[in-house]
Amino acid sequence: GYEFVFYRPGDELNWARIECDVGQFSSLESGLEYFQREFVRDQRLDPQQRMLFVKDKNGEYVATASLWDGKFLGTLRQRIHWVAVKDKCAGLGIAKAMLSRLMRLYTELGYDDSTIYLVTGTRNYPAVSIYRKFGFKEYVGPTSLSSKLSDEQFVEQATTAVSIINDKIAQYKSKK
């Protein structure tokens, strides 16, 4: 009962609704402003080829993710960006399906290096578990990804974050 659709003009409202549902923005207006900055202004990429949505059988947009440009360690790379599944659809395998589709899109667009990355936080430990199943690994250094931290501070904080995530995933799995 679910289907993939790519972004069409006007879908920025659907994107903002999904991202608000998962708590990324406090209002549709702030989500729409961010969409304009991130996906429209000064971008050479076309969201119609890179932004994926999932619709349910009633036509409601319930999930989104994108394959986008980003800098990883100073080099332009492709990244999985803004993965979100509405809370009411969590646990149904939609995120895994979107990741599979975006990985296939990566190949379809002609990328042949093996570096694709994503960024997430410690509170997204269920997502981290999924990302690991797709072969993603945590980056803990030696070069800081933040201009606000020294390399040593970054390694220390990243190592602590991975430990927290591992503990949360273990707790999450033990409850299942």
Protein backbone atom coordinates (compact mmCIF):
# COMPACT_ATOMS: atom_id res chain seq x y z
CA GLY A 1 0.00 0.00 0.00
CA TYR A 2 3.01 2.33 -0.15
CA GLU A 3 4.72 3.83 -3.18
CA PHE A 4 7.82 5.85 -3.96
CA VAL A 5 7.44 9.22 -5.66
CA PHE A 6 10.06 11.80 -6.44
CA TYR A 7 9.71 15.45 -5.51
CA ARG A 8 7.49 17.62 -7.67
CA PRO A 9 7.15 21.40 -7.33
CA GLY A 10 4.84 22.04 -4.39
CA ASP A 11 6.05 19.02 -2.41
CA GLU A 12 8.10 21.27 -0.13
CA LEU A 13 4.98 21.50 2.03
CA ASN A 14 4.85 17.69 2.26
CA TRP A 15 8.55 17.66 3.20
CA ALA A 16 8.00 20.25 5.93
CA ARG A 17 4.97 18.37 7.30
CA ILE A 18 6.95 15.14 7.58
CA GLU A 19 9.93 16.87 9.20
CA CYS A 20 7.62 18.67 11.66
CA ASP A 21 5.96 15.35 12.51
CA VAL A 22 9.31 13.86 13.53
CA GLY A 23 10.25 16.94 15.55
CA GLN A 24 12.86 18.52 13.29
CA PHE A 25 10.99 21.82 13.09
CA SER A 26 8.53 23.50 15.43
CA SER A 27 6.44 24.98 12.62
CA LEU A 28 5.70 24.48 8.95
CA GLU A 29 7.04 27.97 8.29
CA SER A 30 10.47 27.15 9.73
CA GLY A 31 10.52 23.87 7.78
CA LEU A 32 9.66 25.66 4.55
CA GLU A 33 12.33 28.31 5.18
CA TYR A 34 14.91 25.60 5.72
CA PHE A 35 13.77 23.79 2.57
CA GLN A 36 14.34 26.94 0.53
CA ARG A 37 17.86 27.38 1.97
CA GLU A 38 18.89 23.75 1.72
CA PHE A 39 17.25 22.48 -1.45
CA VAL A 40 16.48 25.49 -3.63
CA ARG A 41 18.79 28.47 -3.11
CA ASP A 42 22.29 28.08 -4.56
CA GLN A 43 21.89 24.40 -5.40
CA ARG A 44 23.01 22.82 -8.62
CA LEU A 45 21.09 19.60 -7.92
CA ASP A 46 17.51 18.97 -8.94
CA PRO A 47 15.26 17.74 -6.11
CA GLN A 48 13.02 16.14 -8.76
CA GLN A 49 15.82 13.61 -9.34
CA ARG A 50 17.12 13.28 -5.78
CA MET A 51 14.35 13.78 -3.22
CA LEU A 52 12.26 10.73 -2.51
CA PHE A 53 8.90 10.49 -0.78
CA VAL A 54 6.77 7.57 0.26
CA LYS A 55 2.99 7.86 -0.03
CA ASP A 56 0.49 5.57 1.64
CA LYS A 57 -2.57 4.02 -0.04
CA ASN A 58 -4.59 7.19 0.72
CA GLY A 59 -2.02 9.42 -1.01
CA GLU A 60 -0.62 10.85 2.24
CA TYR A 61 3.10 11.59 2.22
CA VAL A 62 4.52 9.63 5.16
CA ALA A 63 8.30 9.62 4.61
CA THR A 64 11.12 11.39 2.83
CA ALA A 65 14.85 11.13 2.20
CA SER A 66 17.27 12.64 -0.29
CA LEU A 67 20.55 11.91 -2.04
CA TRP A 68 22.37 15.22 -1.87
CA ASP A 69 25.80 16.86 -2.07
CA GLY A 70 27.77 17.46 1.08
CA LYS A 71 31.36 17.93 2.17
CA PHE A 72 32.94 15.09 4.08
CA LEU A 73 36.47 15.82 5.31
CA GLY A 74 36.68 18.67 2.82
CA THR A 75 35.72 16.59 -0.22
CA LEU A 76 32.40 16.88 -2.04
CA ARG A 77 30.58 13.57 -1.63
CA GLN A 78 27.07 12.24 -1.93
CA ARG A 79 25.12 11.98 1.27
CA ILE A 80 21.89 10.46 2.43
CA HIS A 81 20.09 13.52 3.74
CA TRP A 82 17.03 14.28 5.89
CA VAL A 83 15.68 10.76 6.34
CA ALA A 84 12.30 10.97 8.10
CA VAL A 85 9.34 8.66 8.57
CA LYS A 86 6.19 9.92 10.26
CA ASP A 87 5.80 8.46 13.73
CA LYS A 88 2.60 6.62 12.83
CA CYS A 89 4.56 4.63 10.19
CA ALA A 90 7.69 3.94 12.24
CA GLY A 91 8.80 0.32 12.35
CA LEU A 92 7.16 -0.68 9.07
CA GLY A 93 10.41 -0.94 7.06
CA ILE A 94 9.84 2.29 5.17
CA ALA A 95 13.23 3.77 6.10
CA LYS A 96 14.99 0.61 4.91
CA ALA A 97 13.08 0.73 1.63
CA MET A 98 14.00 4.39 1.11
CA LEU A 99 17.67 3.72 1.85
CA SER A 100 17.68 0.85 -0.64
CA ARG A 101 16.10 3.07 -3.28
CA LEU A 102 18.57 5.92 -2.65
CA MET A 103 21.53 3.53 -2.83
CA ARG A 104 20.23 2.32 -6.20
CA LEU A 105 19.77 5.95 -7.28
CA TYR A 106 23.41 6.61 -6.33
CA THR A 107 24.44 3.97 -8.87
CA GLU A 108 21.88 5.10 -11.47
CA LEU A 109 23.30 8.63 -11.33
CA GLY A 110 26.71 7.24 -12.24
CA TYR A 111 28.60 7.57 -8.99
CA ASP A 112 31.32 4.97 -8.92
CA ASP A 113 33.32 5.74 -5.81
CA SER A 114 32.35 3.94 -2.64
CA THR A 115 32.00 6.97 -0.39
CA ILE A 116 28.49 7.92 0.52
CA TYR A 117 27.79 9.31 3.97
CA LEU A 118 25.09 10.55 6.30
CA VAL A 119 24.93 12.50 9.51
CA THR A 120 22.69 11.69 12.47
CA GLY A 121 22.58 12.20 16.21
CA THR A 122 22.69 10.04 19.31
CA ARG A 123 18.94 10.33 19.86
CA ASN A 124 18.35 8.57 16.54
CA TYR A 125 19.69 5.23 17.75
CA PRO A 126 16.99 3.13 15.98
CA ALA A 127 18.06 4.82 12.72
CA VAL A 128 21.74 4.18 13.50
CA SER A 129 20.93 0.49 13.83
CA ILE A 130 19.38 0.55 10.35
CA TYR A 131 22.29 2.55 8.89
CA ARG A 132 24.76 0.00 10.25
CA LYS A 133 22.85 -2.78 8.46
CA PHE A 134 23.48 -0.87 5.23
CA GLY A 135 27.21 -0.78 5.94
CA PHE A 136 27.54 2.73 7.33
CA LYS A 137 30.11 3.13 10.08
CA GLU A 138 30.55 5.81 12.70
CA TYR A 139 33.28 8.34 12.07
CA VAL A 140 35.31 9.09 15.18
CA GLY A 141 38.36 10.86 13.78
CA PRO A 142 41.16 11.72 13.56
CA THR A 143 39.98 14.85 11.72
CA SER A 144 37.21 16.87 13.31
CA LEU A 145 34.03 17.35 11.29
CA SER A 146 33.32 20.49 13.30
CA SER A 147 35.24 23.72 13.09
CA LYS A 148 34.32 24.34 16.73
CA LEU A 149 36.29 21.39 18.10
CA SER A 150 39.92 20.35 18.07
CA ASP A 151 40.63 16.94 16.59
CA GLU A 152 41.18 15.53 20.11
CA GLN A 153 37.89 16.97 21.38
CA PHE A 154 36.08 15.58 18.37
CA VAL A 155 37.49 12.07 18.84
CA GLU A 156 36.59 12.16 22.54
CA GLN A 157 33.03 13.35 21.91
CA ALA A 158 32.48 11.00 18.97
CA THR A 159 33.73 8.02 20.98
CA THR A 160 31.38 8.93 23.82
CA ALA A 161 28.48 9.33 21.37
CA VAL A 162 29.13 5.89 19.83
CA SER A 163 29.17 4.37 23.31
CA ILE A 164 25.82 6.02 24.14
CA ILE A 165 24.34 4.82 20.86
CA ASN A 166 25.57 1.26 21.43
CA ASP A 167 24.01 1.24 24.92
CA LYS A 168 20.70 2.60 23.59
CA ILE A 169 20.60 0.06 20.75
CA ALA A 170 21.30 -2.78 23.20
CA GLN A 171 18.47 -1.55 25.48
CA TYR A 172 16.14 -1.16 22.50
CA LYS A 173 16.88 -4.69 21.23
CA SER A 174 16.46 -6.23 24.70
CA LYS A 175 12.93 -4.80 24.90
CA LYS A 176 11.89 -6.43 21.62
